[in-house]
Amino acid sequence: VYSLTAFAHADNYVESDIFGQLGEHEKAAILIVHFGTTHDDTRAVTIDAINARMKVAFPEVEVREAWTSRMILLKLKKGVERLNPTEALIRLHEEGYTHVLVQSTNIIEGTEMKELRREVESLSLNFKDIRIGNPLLYEPEDYRKVIQAITGAVGQAVKGGQKVLVGHGTTDPATASYAMFDYMLKAEGHPDYHVGTVEGYPAFDDALRLLKKEKSRIVTLTPLMFVAGDHAQHDIAGEWKENLEKQGYKVNLYLKGLGENTDIQELYIAHARFAAGHKAVDMTSKKKGYAAGR
């Protein structure tokens, strides 16, 4: 059972049930925000799967989705409507929704997550209460739970050898989250697991240096991404695999997005539940209280 208190620093949150005390004519919704994918196969077992699980977890609340990648939205087939977060929030407002919980399936607090927070803030005056659940890796306990989920799934499917978890990466300082994940993997007793990213730090060469420290010449590559889409197919199964083979490694692939893992899905649900029951303390007000001796 995932403890909701794992997220909470008592000083940073107060209990506040966004869905518990709706007044007359007030309506509540959850907006699940995904980066998106053009690959229907991985979408069905990740994005669609967690959307369905969220509806089960919050049966009394309207559940909608939005996708953030404008490039992916442009590539989608005509006739398939996918809204970006701003469009989805405007529609909810026009339909009379007053209380909205936004839960992203982002992995880290990187550029995508920060942009989402800005979008939500820009439309906050349209709602009586709107709040955002945290991304997958936020508190140290999140990292431990994700490590358990990943090593459990990969360990059942892959016997022996080294494993490299390949994330998207970011130019934001939050790329340090991937290095923290690598550190905690080893601290939690998994020295055969390493982390690299396609567009950030640790990069391919950083992961390769870690691989060379171990004797095993067998490597399994798996995405540290919510969906196994373009990056999994082209970067991981393509460039990363080819470059490792040039280094003399036998390379296996475990191309399953994190969103397929039911334990990972439950962690996102836990983040949404926490956000539904708690509100972040305004730090400006908190500091004024300190200054006043309260």
C-alpha atoms as a PDB file:
ATOM      1  CA  VAL A   1       0.000   0.000   0.000  1.00  0.00           C
ATOM      2  CA  TYR A   2       1.386   3.397  -0.966  1.00  0.00           C
ATOM      3  CA  SER A   3       1.312   5.807   1.941  1.00  0.00           C
ATOM      4  CA  LEU A   4      -0.005   9.226   1.035  1.00  0.00           C
ATOM      5  CA  THR A   5       1.995  10.713   3.889  1.00  0.00           C
ATOM      6  CA  ALA A   6       5.118   9.914   1.873  1.00  0.00           C
ATOM      7  CA  PHE A   7       4.388  13.008  -0.203  1.00  0.00           C
ATOM      8  CA  ALA A   8       3.514  15.354   2.584  1.00  0.00           C
ATOM      9  CA  HIS A   9       5.762  17.736   4.415  1.00  0.00           C
ATOM     10  CA  ALA A  10       3.348  18.928   7.087  1.00  0.00           C
ATOM     11  CA  ASP A  11       4.677  22.480   6.806  1.00  0.00           C
ATOM     12  CA  ASN A  12       4.090  22.640   3.058  1.00  0.00           C
ATOM     13  CA  TYR A  13       0.509  21.362   2.768  1.00  0.00           C
ATOM     14  CA  VAL A  14      -2.796  21.758   4.528  1.00  0.00           C
ATOM     15  CA  GLU A  15      -5.705  19.330   4.330  1.00  0.00           C
ATOM     16  CA  SER A  16      -8.246  20.515   1.791  1.00  0.00           C
ATOM     17  CA  ASP A  17     -10.692  18.259  -0.047  1.00  0.00           C
ATOM     18  CA  ILE A  18     -11.260  19.704  -3.503  1.00  0.00           C
ATOM     19  CA  PHE A  19     -14.160  17.351  -4.238  1.00  0.00           C
ATOM     20  CA  GLY A  20     -15.644  16.996  -0.765  1.00  0.00           C
ATOM     21  CA  GLN A  21     -17.720  20.132  -0.345  1.00  0.00           C
ATOM     22  CA  LEU A  22     -19.137  21.165  -3.698  1.00  0.00           C
ATOM     23  CA  GLY A  23     -21.909  23.700  -3.485  1.00  0.00           C
ATOM     24  CA  GLU A  24     -25.034  23.948  -5.567  1.00  0.00           C
ATOM     25  CA  HIS A  25     -24.277  24.379  -9.283  1.00  0.00           C
ATOM     26  CA  GLU A  26     -20.597  23.531  -8.708  1.00  0.00           C
ATOM     27  CA  LYS A  27     -18.980  20.786 -10.806  1.00  0.00           C
ATOM     28  CA  ALA A  28     -15.677  18.922 -10.443  1.00  0.00           C
ATOM     29  CA  ALA A  29     -13.341  17.361 -12.972  1.00  0.00           C
ATOM     30  CA  ILE A  30      -9.941  15.728 -13.268  1.00  0.00           C
ATOM     31  CA  LEU A  31      -7.786  16.618 -16.262  1.00  0.00           C
ATOM     32  CA  ILE A  32      -5.083  14.038 -16.980  1.00  0.00           C
ATOM     33  CA  VAL A  33      -2.297  15.610 -19.017  1.00  0.00           C
ATOM     34  CA  HIS A  34      -0.022  13.481 -21.230  1.00  0.00           C
ATOM     35  CA  PHE A  35       2.842  14.384 -23.529  1.00  0.00           C
ATOM     36  CA  GLY A  36       1.140  12.182 -26.130  1.00  0.00           C
ATOM     37  CA  THR A  37       2.209   9.688 -28.784  1.00  0.00           C
ATOM     38  CA  THR A  38       1.502   8.838 -32.411  1.00  0.00           C
ATOM     39  CA  HIS A  39       1.891   5.115 -31.668  1.00  0.00           C
ATOM     40  CA  ASP A  40      -1.556   3.584 -31.119  1.00  0.00           C
ATOM     41  CA  ASP A  41      -0.180   0.364 -29.601  1.00  0.00           C
ATOM     42  CA  THR A  42       1.652   2.007 -26.713  1.00  0.00           C
ATOM     43  CA  ARG A  43      -1.131   4.614 -26.271  1.00  0.00           C
ATOM     44  CA  ALA A  44      -3.668   1.866 -25.597  1.00  0.00           C
ATOM     45  CA  VAL A  45      -1.643   0.252 -22.789  1.00  0.00           C
ATOM     46  CA  THR A  46      -0.368   3.461 -21.179  1.00  0.00           C
ATOM     47  CA  ILE A  47      -2.423   6.614 -21.758  1.00  0.00           C
ATOM     48  CA  ASP A  48      -5.772   4.876 -22.239  1.00  0.00           C
ATOM     49  CA  ALA A  49      -5.023   2.493 -19.374  1.00  0.00           C
ATOM     50  CA  ILE A  50      -4.321   5.181 -16.775  1.00  0.00           C
ATOM     51  CA  ASN A  51      -7.271   7.268 -17.987  1.00  0.00           C
ATOM     52  CA  ALA A  52      -9.518   4.272 -17.295  1.00  0.00           C
ATOM     53  CA  ARG A  53      -7.874   3.623 -13.921  1.00  0.00           C
ATOM     54  CA  MET A  54      -8.377   7.252 -12.905  1.00  0.00           C
ATOM     55  CA  LYS A  55     -12.101   6.962 -13.673  1.00  0.00           C
ATOM     56  CA  VAL A  56     -12.309   3.929 -11.396  1.00  0.00           C
ATOM     57  CA  ALA A  57     -10.402   5.735  -8.630  1.00  0.00           C
ATOM     58  CA  PHE A  58     -12.656   8.825  -8.857  1.00  0.00           C
ATOM     59  CA  PRO A  59     -16.045   7.461  -9.968  1.00  0.00           C
ATOM     60  CA  GLU A  60     -18.001  10.582  -9.006  1.00  0.00           C
ATOM     61  CA  VAL A  61     -15.770  12.995 -10.926  1.00  0.00           C
ATOM     62  CA  GLU A  62     -15.655  13.816 -14.648  1.00  0.00           C
ATOM     63  CA  VAL A  63     -12.307  12.689 -16.110  1.00  0.00           C
ATOM     64  CA  ARG A  64     -10.883  14.364 -19.216  1.00  0.00           C
ATOM     65  CA  GLU A  65      -7.489  14.265 -20.941  1.00  0.00           C
ATOM     66  CA  ALA A  66      -5.157  16.713 -22.693  1.00  0.00           C
ATOM     67  CA  TRP A  67      -1.901  16.291 -24.615  1.00  0.00           C
ATOM     68  CA  THR A  68       0.966  18.767 -24.424  1.00  0.00           C
ATOM     69  CA  SER A  69       3.029  17.963 -27.538  1.00  0.00           C
ATOM     70  CA  ARG A  70       1.863  20.315 -30.272  1.00  0.00           C
ATOM     71  CA  MET A  71       3.956  18.369 -32.821  1.00  0.00           C
ATOM     72  CA  ILE A  72       2.164  15.125 -31.980  1.00  0.00           C
ATOM     73  CA  LEU A  73      -1.219  16.872 -32.041  1.00  0.00           C
ATOM     74  CA  LEU A  74      -0.456  18.118 -35.559  1.00  0.00           C
ATOM     75  CA  LYS A  75       0.510  14.624 -36.724  1.00  0.00           C
ATOM     76  CA  LEU A  76      -2.672  12.944 -35.518  1.00  0.00           C
ATOM     77  CA  LYS A  77      -5.247  11.738 -38.005  1.00  0.00           C
ATOM     78  CA  LYS A  78      -7.945  14.174 -39.012  1.00  0.00           C
ATOM     79  CA  GLY A  79     -11.143  13.613 -37.101  1.00  0.00           C
ATOM     80  CA  VAL A  80      -9.316  12.608 -33.888  1.00  0.00           C
ATOM     81  CA  GLU A  81      -9.813  15.409 -31.399  1.00  0.00           C
ATOM     82  CA  ARG A  82      -7.066  15.864 -28.816  1.00  0.00           C
ATOM     83  CA  LEU A  83      -6.967  19.108 -26.857  1.00  0.00           C
ATOM     84  CA  ASN A  84      -3.922  20.773 -25.359  1.00  0.00           C
ATOM     85  CA  PRO A  85      -4.167  21.748 -21.656  1.00  0.00           C
ATOM     86  CA  THR A  86      -5.247  25.341 -22.312  1.00  0.00           C
ATOM     87  CA  GLU A  87      -7.985  24.234 -24.711  1.00  0.00           C
ATOM     88  CA  ALA A  88      -9.179  21.524 -22.305  1.00  0.00           C
ATOM     89  CA  LEU A  89      -9.331  23.924 -19.348  1.00  0.00           C
ATOM     90  CA  ILE A  90     -11.179  26.553 -21.355  1.00  0.00           C
ATOM     91  CA  ARG A  91     -13.719  23.930 -22.406  1.00  0.00           C
ATOM     92  CA  LEU A  92     -14.191  22.785 -18.796  1.00  0.00           C
ATOM     93  CA  HIS A  93     -14.781  26.399 -17.776  1.00  0.00           C
ATOM     94  CA  GLU A  94     -17.306  26.906 -20.586  1.00  0.00           C
ATOM     95  CA  GLU A  95     -19.129  23.749 -19.475  1.00  0.00           C
ATOM     96  CA  GLY A  96     -19.469  25.092 -15.936  1.00  0.00           C
ATOM     97  CA  TYR A  97     -16.776  23.138 -14.090  1.00  0.00           C
ATOM     98  CA  THR A  98     -15.631  25.026 -11.010  1.00  0.00           C
ATOM     99  CA  HIS A  99     -13.182  22.637  -9.311  1.00  0.00           C
ATOM    100  CA  VAL A 100     -10.420  20.973 -11.345  1.00  0.00           C
ATOM    101  CA  LEU A 101      -7.549  18.693 -10.414  1.00  0.00           C
ATOM    102  CA  VAL A 102      -4.828  18.473 -13.068  1.00  0.00           C
ATOM    103  CA  GLN A 103      -2.678  15.335 -12.917  1.00  0.00           C
ATOM    104  CA  SER A 104       0.220  15.003 -15.338  1.00  0.00           C
ATOM    105  CA  THR A 105       1.953  11.784 -16.377  1.00  0.00           C
ATOM    106  CA  ASN A 106       5.292  13.599 -16.617  1.00  0.00           C
ATOM    107  CA  ILE A 107       8.212  11.727 -15.080  1.00  0.00           C
ATOM    108  CA  ILE A 108      10.114  14.660 -13.561  1.00  0.00           C
ATOM    109  CA  GLU A 109       9.641  18.333 -12.675  1.00  0.00           C
ATOM    110  CA  GLY A 110      11.250  19.416 -15.962  1.00  0.00           C
ATOM    111  CA  THR A 111      10.375  21.881 -18.710  1.00  0.00           C
ATOM    112  CA  GLU A 112       7.105  20.115 -19.629  1.00  0.00           C
ATOM    113  CA  MET A 113       5.871  20.133 -16.031  1.00  0.00           C
ATOM    114  CA  LYS A 114       6.869  23.740 -15.462  1.00  0.00           C
ATOM    115  CA  GLU A 115       5.105  24.836 -18.640  1.00  0.00           C
ATOM    116  CA  LEU A 116       1.981  22.994 -17.517  1.00  0.00           C
ATOM    117  CA  ARG A 117       2.066  24.807 -14.174  1.00  0.00           C
ATOM    118  CA  ARG A 118       2.297  28.130 -16.050  1.00  0.00           C
ATOM    119  CA  GLU A 119      -0.656  27.220 -18.273  1.00  0.00           C
ATOM    120  CA  VAL A 120      -2.776  26.273 -15.268  1.00  0.00           C
ATOM    121  CA  GLU A 121      -1.803  29.424 -13.368  1.00  0.00           C
ATOM    122  CA  SER A 122      -2.756  31.614 -16.342  1.00  0.00           C
ATOM    123  CA  LEU A 123      -6.303  30.196 -16.262  1.00  0.00           C
ATOM    124  CA  SER A 124      -6.699  29.832 -12.493  1.00  0.00           C
ATOM    125  CA  LEU A 125      -9.148  32.731 -12.182  1.00  0.00           C
ATOM    126  CA  ASN A 126     -11.650  30.748 -14.270  1.00  0.00           C
ATOM    127  CA  PHE A 127     -12.127  28.265 -11.402  1.00  0.00           C
ATOM    128  CA  LYS A 128     -12.991  28.356  -7.711  1.00  0.00           C
ATOM    129  CA  ASP A 129     -10.266  25.779  -7.046  1.00  0.00           C
ATOM    130  CA  ILE A 130      -7.694  24.354  -9.437  1.00  0.00           C
ATOM    131  CA  ARG A 131      -4.621  22.438  -8.338  1.00  0.00           C
ATOM    132  CA  ILE A 132      -1.932  20.190  -9.832  1.00  0.00           C
ATOM    133  CA  GLY A 133      -0.730  16.758  -8.759  1.00  0.00           C
ATOM    134  CA  ASN A 134       3.029  16.219  -8.793  1.00  0.00           C
ATOM    135  CA  PRO A 135       4.942  14.274 -11.484  1.00  0.00           C
ATOM    136  CA  LEU A 136       6.046  10.682 -10.924  1.00  0.00           C
ATOM    137  CA  LEU A 137       9.442  11.455  -9.375  1.00  0.00           C
ATOM    138  CA  TYR A 138       9.034  14.216  -6.805  1.00  0.00           C
ATOM    139  CA  GLU A 139       9.761  13.064  -3.250  1.00  0.00           C
ATOM    140  CA  PRO A 140      12.572  10.586  -2.392  1.00  0.00           C
ATOM    141  CA  GLU A 141       9.915   8.026  -1.474  1.00  0.00           C
ATOM    142  CA  ASP A 142       8.582   8.284  -5.042  1.00  0.00           C
ATOM    143  CA  TYR A 143      11.988   7.232  -6.332  1.00  0.00           C
ATOM    144  CA  ARG A 144      12.025   4.207  -4.025  1.00  0.00           C
ATOM    145  CA  LYS A 145       8.569   3.109  -5.142  1.00  0.00           C
ATOM    146  CA  VAL A 146       9.413   3.548  -8.819  1.00  0.00           C
ATOM    147  CA  ILE A 147      12.659   1.623  -8.347  1.00  0.00           C
ATOM    148  CA  GLN A 148      10.697  -1.253  -6.806  1.00  0.00           C
ATOM    149  CA  ALA A 149       8.194  -1.206  -9.662  1.00  0.00           C
ATOM    150  CA  ILE A 150      10.804  -1.103 -12.431  1.00  0.00           C
ATOM    151  CA  THR A 151      13.263  -3.618 -11.019  1.00  0.00           C
ATOM    152  CA  GLY A 152      10.383  -5.945 -10.211  1.00  0.00           C
ATOM    153  CA  ALA A 153       9.020  -5.865 -13.752  1.00  0.00           C
ATOM    154  CA  VAL A 154      12.360  -5.902 -15.575  1.00  0.00           C
ATOM    155  CA  GLY A 155      13.788  -8.507 -13.202  1.00  0.00           C
ATOM    156  CA  GLN A 156      10.956 -10.909 -14.034  1.00  0.00           C
ATOM    157  CA  ALA A 157      11.444 -10.460 -17.786  1.00  0.00           C
ATOM    158  CA  VAL A 158      15.243 -10.257 -17.955  1.00  0.00           C
ATOM    159  CA  LYS A 159      17.676 -12.583 -16.223  1.00  0.00           C
ATOM    160  CA  GLY A 160      21.264 -11.477 -15.723  1.00  0.00           C
ATOM    161  CA  GLY A 161      23.320  -8.823 -17.426  1.00  0.00           C
ATOM    162  CA  GLN A 162      23.267  -5.091 -16.928  1.00  0.00           C
ATOM    163  CA  LYS A 163      20.273  -2.834 -17.511  1.00  0.00           C
ATOM    164  CA  VAL A 164      20.138   0.734 -18.768  1.00  0.00           C
ATOM    165  CA  LEU A 165      17.011   2.817 -18.196  1.00  0.00           C
ATOM    166  CA  VAL A 166      16.824   5.479 -20.895  1.00  0.00           C
ATOM    167  CA  GLY A 167      14.892   8.651 -20.094  1.00  0.00           C
ATOM    168  CA  HIS A 168      13.990  11.568 -22.337  1.00  0.00           C
ATOM    169  CA  GLY A 169      16.159  14.119 -20.559  1.00  0.00           C
ATOM    170  CA  THR A 170      15.781  17.883 -20.350  1.00  0.00           C
ATOM    171  CA  THR A 171      17.858  21.050 -20.681  1.00  0.00           C
ATOM    172  CA  ASP A 172      16.319  22.154 -17.371  1.00  0.00           C
ATOM    173  CA  PRO A 173      18.332  21.717 -14.139  1.00  0.00           C
ATOM    174  CA  ALA A 174      15.757  19.047 -13.279  1.00  0.00           C
ATOM    175  CA  THR A 175      17.865  16.661 -15.376  1.00  0.00           C
ATOM    176  CA  ALA A 176      19.554  16.055 -12.005  1.00  0.00           C
ATOM    177  CA  SER A 177      16.519  13.886 -11.219  1.00  0.00           C
ATOM    178  CA  TYR A 178      17.928  11.223 -13.548  1.00  0.00           C
ATOM    179  CA  ALA A 179      21.285  11.261 -11.780  1.00  0.00           C
ATOM    180  CA  MET A 180      19.452  10.988  -8.450  1.00  0.00           C
ATOM    181  CA  PHE A 181      17.517   8.014  -9.819  1.00  0.00           C
ATOM    182  CA  ASP A 182      20.768   6.318 -10.857  1.00  0.00           C
ATOM    183  CA  TYR A 183      22.277   6.980  -7.428  1.00  0.00           C
ATOM    184  CA  MET A 184      19.234   5.639  -5.585  1.00  0.00           C
ATOM    185  CA  LEU A 185      19.067   2.526  -7.782  1.00  0.00           C
ATOM    186  CA  LYS A 186      22.521   1.587  -6.567  1.00  0.00           C
ATOM    187  CA  ALA A 187      21.829   2.703  -2.996  1.00  0.00           C
ATOM    188  CA  GLU A 188      18.744   0.466  -2.975  1.00  0.00           C
ATOM    189  CA  GLY A 189      20.828  -2.572  -3.966  1.00  0.00           C
ATOM    190  CA  HIS A 190      20.718  -2.566  -7.781  1.00  0.00           C
ATOM    191  CA  PRO A 191      24.311  -2.008  -8.977  1.00  0.00           C
ATOM    192  CA  ASP A 192      23.484  -3.624 -12.338  1.00  0.00           C
ATOM    193  CA  TYR A 193      21.033  -0.818 -13.232  1.00  0.00           C
ATOM    194  CA  HIS A 194      22.164   2.437 -14.829  1.00  0.00           C
ATOM    195  CA  VAL A 195      20.376   5.538 -16.127  1.00  0.00           C
ATOM    196  CA  GLY A 196      20.947   7.533 -19.304  1.00  0.00           C
ATOM    197  CA  THR A 197      18.943  10.090 -21.256  1.00  0.00           C
ATOM    198  CA  VAL A 198      18.400  10.886 -24.920  1.00  0.00           C
ATOM    199  CA  GLU A 199      18.500  14.664 -24.515  1.00  0.00           C
ATOM    200  CA  GLY A 200      20.119  15.459 -21.184  1.00  0.00           C
ATOM    201  CA  TYR A 201      22.391  14.187 -18.423  1.00  0.00           C
ATOM    202  CA  PRO A 202      23.419  11.413 -17.907  1.00  0.00           C
ATOM    203  CA  ALA A 203      24.046  11.020 -21.659  1.00  0.00           C
ATOM    204  CA  PHE A 204      24.960   7.864 -23.590  1.00  0.00           C
ATOM    205  CA  ASP A 205      28.682   8.210 -22.844  1.00  0.00           C
ATOM    206  CA  ASP A 206      27.965   8.576 -19.124  1.00  0.00           C
ATOM    207  CA  ALA A 207      25.922   5.365 -19.114  1.00  0.00           C
ATOM    208  CA  LEU A 208      28.628   3.620 -21.151  1.00  0.00           C
ATOM    209  CA  ARG A 209      31.287   4.486 -18.568  1.00  0.00           C
ATOM    210  CA  LEU A 210      29.161   2.848 -15.872  1.00  0.00           C
ATOM    211  CA  LEU A 211      28.633  -0.242 -18.028  1.00  0.00           C
ATOM    212  CA  LYS A 212      32.393  -0.621 -18.557  1.00  0.00           C
ATOM    213  CA  LYS A 213      32.979  -0.805 -14.811  1.00  0.00           C
ATOM    214  CA  GLU A 214      31.155  -4.157 -14.704  1.00  0.00           C
ATOM    215  CA  LYS A 215      32.269  -7.445 -16.268  1.00  0.00           C
ATOM    216  CA  SER A 216      28.988  -8.405 -17.939  1.00  0.00           C
ATOM    217  CA  ARG A 217      28.845  -7.753 -21.690  1.00  0.00           C
ATOM    218  CA  ILE A 218      25.086  -8.290 -21.855  1.00  0.00           C
ATOM    219  CA  VAL A 219      22.898  -5.184 -21.668  1.00  0.00           C
ATOM    220  CA  THR A 220      19.142  -4.705 -21.650  1.00  0.00           C
ATOM    221  CA  LEU A 221      17.816  -1.316 -22.726  1.00  0.00           C
ATOM    222  CA  THR A 222      14.424  -0.165 -21.449  1.00  0.00           C
ATOM    223  CA  PRO A 223      12.669   3.232 -21.569  1.00  0.00           C
ATOM    224  CA  LEU A 224      12.395   5.396 -18.482  1.00  0.00           C
ATOM    225  CA  MET A 225       9.455   7.075 -20.215  1.00  0.00           C
ATOM    226  CA  PHE A 226       5.694   6.905 -19.788  1.00  0.00           C
ATOM    227  CA  VAL A 227       5.109   5.595 -23.319  1.00  0.00           C
ATOM    228  CA  ALA A 228       7.328   3.499 -25.591  1.00  0.00           C
ATOM    229  CA  GLY A 229       6.896   5.712 -28.650  1.00  0.00           C
ATOM    230  CA  ASP A 230       9.279   7.421 -31.077  1.00  0.00           C
ATOM    231  CA  HIS A 231      12.202   7.672 -28.668  1.00  0.00           C
ATOM    232  CA  ALA A 232      11.909   4.004 -27.730  1.00  0.00           C
ATOM    233  CA  GLN A 233      11.646   2.864 -31.339  1.00  0.00           C
ATOM    234  CA  HIS A 234      14.241   5.172 -32.912  1.00  0.00           C
ATOM    235  CA  ASP A 235      16.695   6.199 -30.185  1.00  0.00           C
ATOM    236  CA  ILE A 236      16.709   3.238 -27.799  1.00  0.00           C
ATOM    237  CA  ALA A 237      16.089   0.381 -30.248  1.00  0.00           C
ATOM    238  CA  GLY A 238      18.063   2.215 -32.916  1.00  0.00           C
ATOM    239  CA  GLU A 239      20.998   4.459 -32.043  1.00  0.00           C
ATOM    240  CA  TRP A 240      21.642   3.304 -28.475  1.00  0.00           C
ATOM    241  CA  LYS A 241      21.453  -0.380 -29.393  1.00  0.00           C
ATOM    242  CA  GLU A 242      23.711   0.059 -32.428  1.00  0.00           C
ATOM    243  CA  ASN A 243      26.318   2.072 -30.504  1.00  0.00           C
ATOM    244  CA  LEU A 244      26.469  -0.482 -27.693  1.00  0.00           C
ATOM    245  CA  GLU A 245      26.831  -3.325 -30.171  1.00  0.00           C
ATOM    246  CA  LYS A 246      29.780  -1.451 -31.707  1.00  0.00           C
ATOM    247  CA  GLN A 247      31.308  -1.512 -28.224  1.00  0.00           C
ATOM    248  CA  GLY A 248      30.989  -5.301 -28.193  1.00  0.00           C
ATOM    249  CA  TYR A 249      27.869  -5.664 -26.059  1.00  0.00           C
ATOM    250  CA  LYS A 250      25.055  -8.108 -26.670  1.00  0.00           C
ATOM    251  CA  VAL A 251      21.969  -5.897 -26.445  1.00  0.00           C
ATOM    252  CA  ASN A 252      18.451  -6.970 -25.493  1.00  0.00           C
ATOM    253  CA  LEU A 253      15.401  -4.717 -25.538  1.00  0.00           C
ATOM    254  CA  TYR A 254      12.553  -4.398 -23.034  1.00  0.00           C
ATOM    255  CA  LEU A 255      10.443  -1.796 -24.807  1.00  0.00           C
ATOM    256  CA  LYS A 256       7.613  -1.215 -22.370  1.00  0.00           C
ATOM    257  CA  GLY A 257       6.662   2.283 -21.268  1.00  0.00           C
ATOM    258  CA  LEU A 258       6.387   2.977 -17.543  1.00  0.00           C
ATOM    259  CA  GLY A 259       2.701   3.606 -18.105  1.00  0.00           C
ATOM    260  CA  GLU A 260       2.162  -0.113 -18.754  1.00  0.00           C
ATOM    261  CA  ASN A 261       3.284  -0.955 -15.230  1.00  0.00           C
ATOM    262  CA  THR A 262       0.242  -1.153 -12.940  1.00  0.00           C
ATOM    263  CA  ASP A 263       2.362  -0.236  -9.904  1.00  0.00           C
ATOM    264  CA  ILE A 264       3.439   2.944 -11.694  1.00  0.00           C
ATOM    265  CA  GLN A 265      -0.176   3.683 -12.605  1.00  0.00           C
ATOM    266  CA  GLU A 266      -1.070   3.376  -8.930  1.00  0.00           C
ATOM    267  CA  LEU A 267       1.642   5.867  -7.993  1.00  0.00           C
ATOM    268  CA  TYR A 268       0.111   8.453 -10.315  1.00  0.00           C
ATOM    269  CA  ILE A 269      -3.296   7.751  -8.778  1.00  0.00           C
ATOM    270  CA  ALA A 270      -1.742   8.233  -5.329  1.00  0.00           C
ATOM    271  CA  HIS A 271      -0.374  11.622  -6.406  1.00  0.00           C
ATOM    272  CA  ALA A 272      -3.838  12.605  -7.638  1.00  0.00           C
ATOM    273  CA  ARG A 273      -5.453  11.453  -4.386  1.00  0.00           C
ATOM    274  CA  PHE A 274      -2.969  13.479  -2.362  1.00  0.00           C
ATOM    275  CA  ALA A 275      -3.542  16.602  -4.463  1.00  0.00           C
ATOM    276  CA  ALA A 276      -7.295  16.110  -4.130  1.00  0.00           C
ATOM    277  CA  GLY A 277      -6.997  16.078  -0.337  1.00  0.00           C
ATOM    278  CA  HIS A 278      -4.256  18.660   0.243  1.00  0.00           C
ATOM    279  CA  LYS A 279      -3.425  22.154  -0.876  1.00  0.00           C
ATOM    280  CA  ALA A 280       0.048  23.643  -1.004  1.00  0.00           C
ATOM    281  CA  VAL A 281       0.720  26.421   1.499  1.00  0.00           C
ATOM    282  CA  ASP A 282       1.386  29.821  -0.054  1.00  0.00           C
ATOM    283  CA  MET A 283       5.066  30.397   0.751  1.00  0.00           C
ATOM    284  CA  THR A 284       4.740  34.200   0.777  1.00  0.00           C
ATOM    285  CA  SER A 285       2.068  34.016   3.479  1.00  0.00           C
ATOM    286  CA  LYS A 286       4.134  31.452   5.350  1.00  0.00           C
ATOM    287  CA  LYS A 287       7.194  33.730   5.413  1.00  0.00           C
ATOM    288  CA  LYS A 288       5.081  36.656   6.589  1.00  0.00           C
ATOM    289  CA  GLY A 289       3.937  34.421   9.432  1.00  0.00           C
ATOM    290  CA  TYR A 290       7.540  33.647  10.346  1.00  0.00           C
ATOM    291  CA  ALA A 291       8.399  37.358  10.286  1.00  0.00           C
ATOM    292  CA  ALA A 292       5.463  38.062  12.608  1.00  0.00           C
ATOM    293  CA  GLY A 293       6.664  35.384  15.008  1.00  0.00           C
ATOM    294  CA  ARG A 294       3.788  32.964  14.293  1.00  0.00           C
END
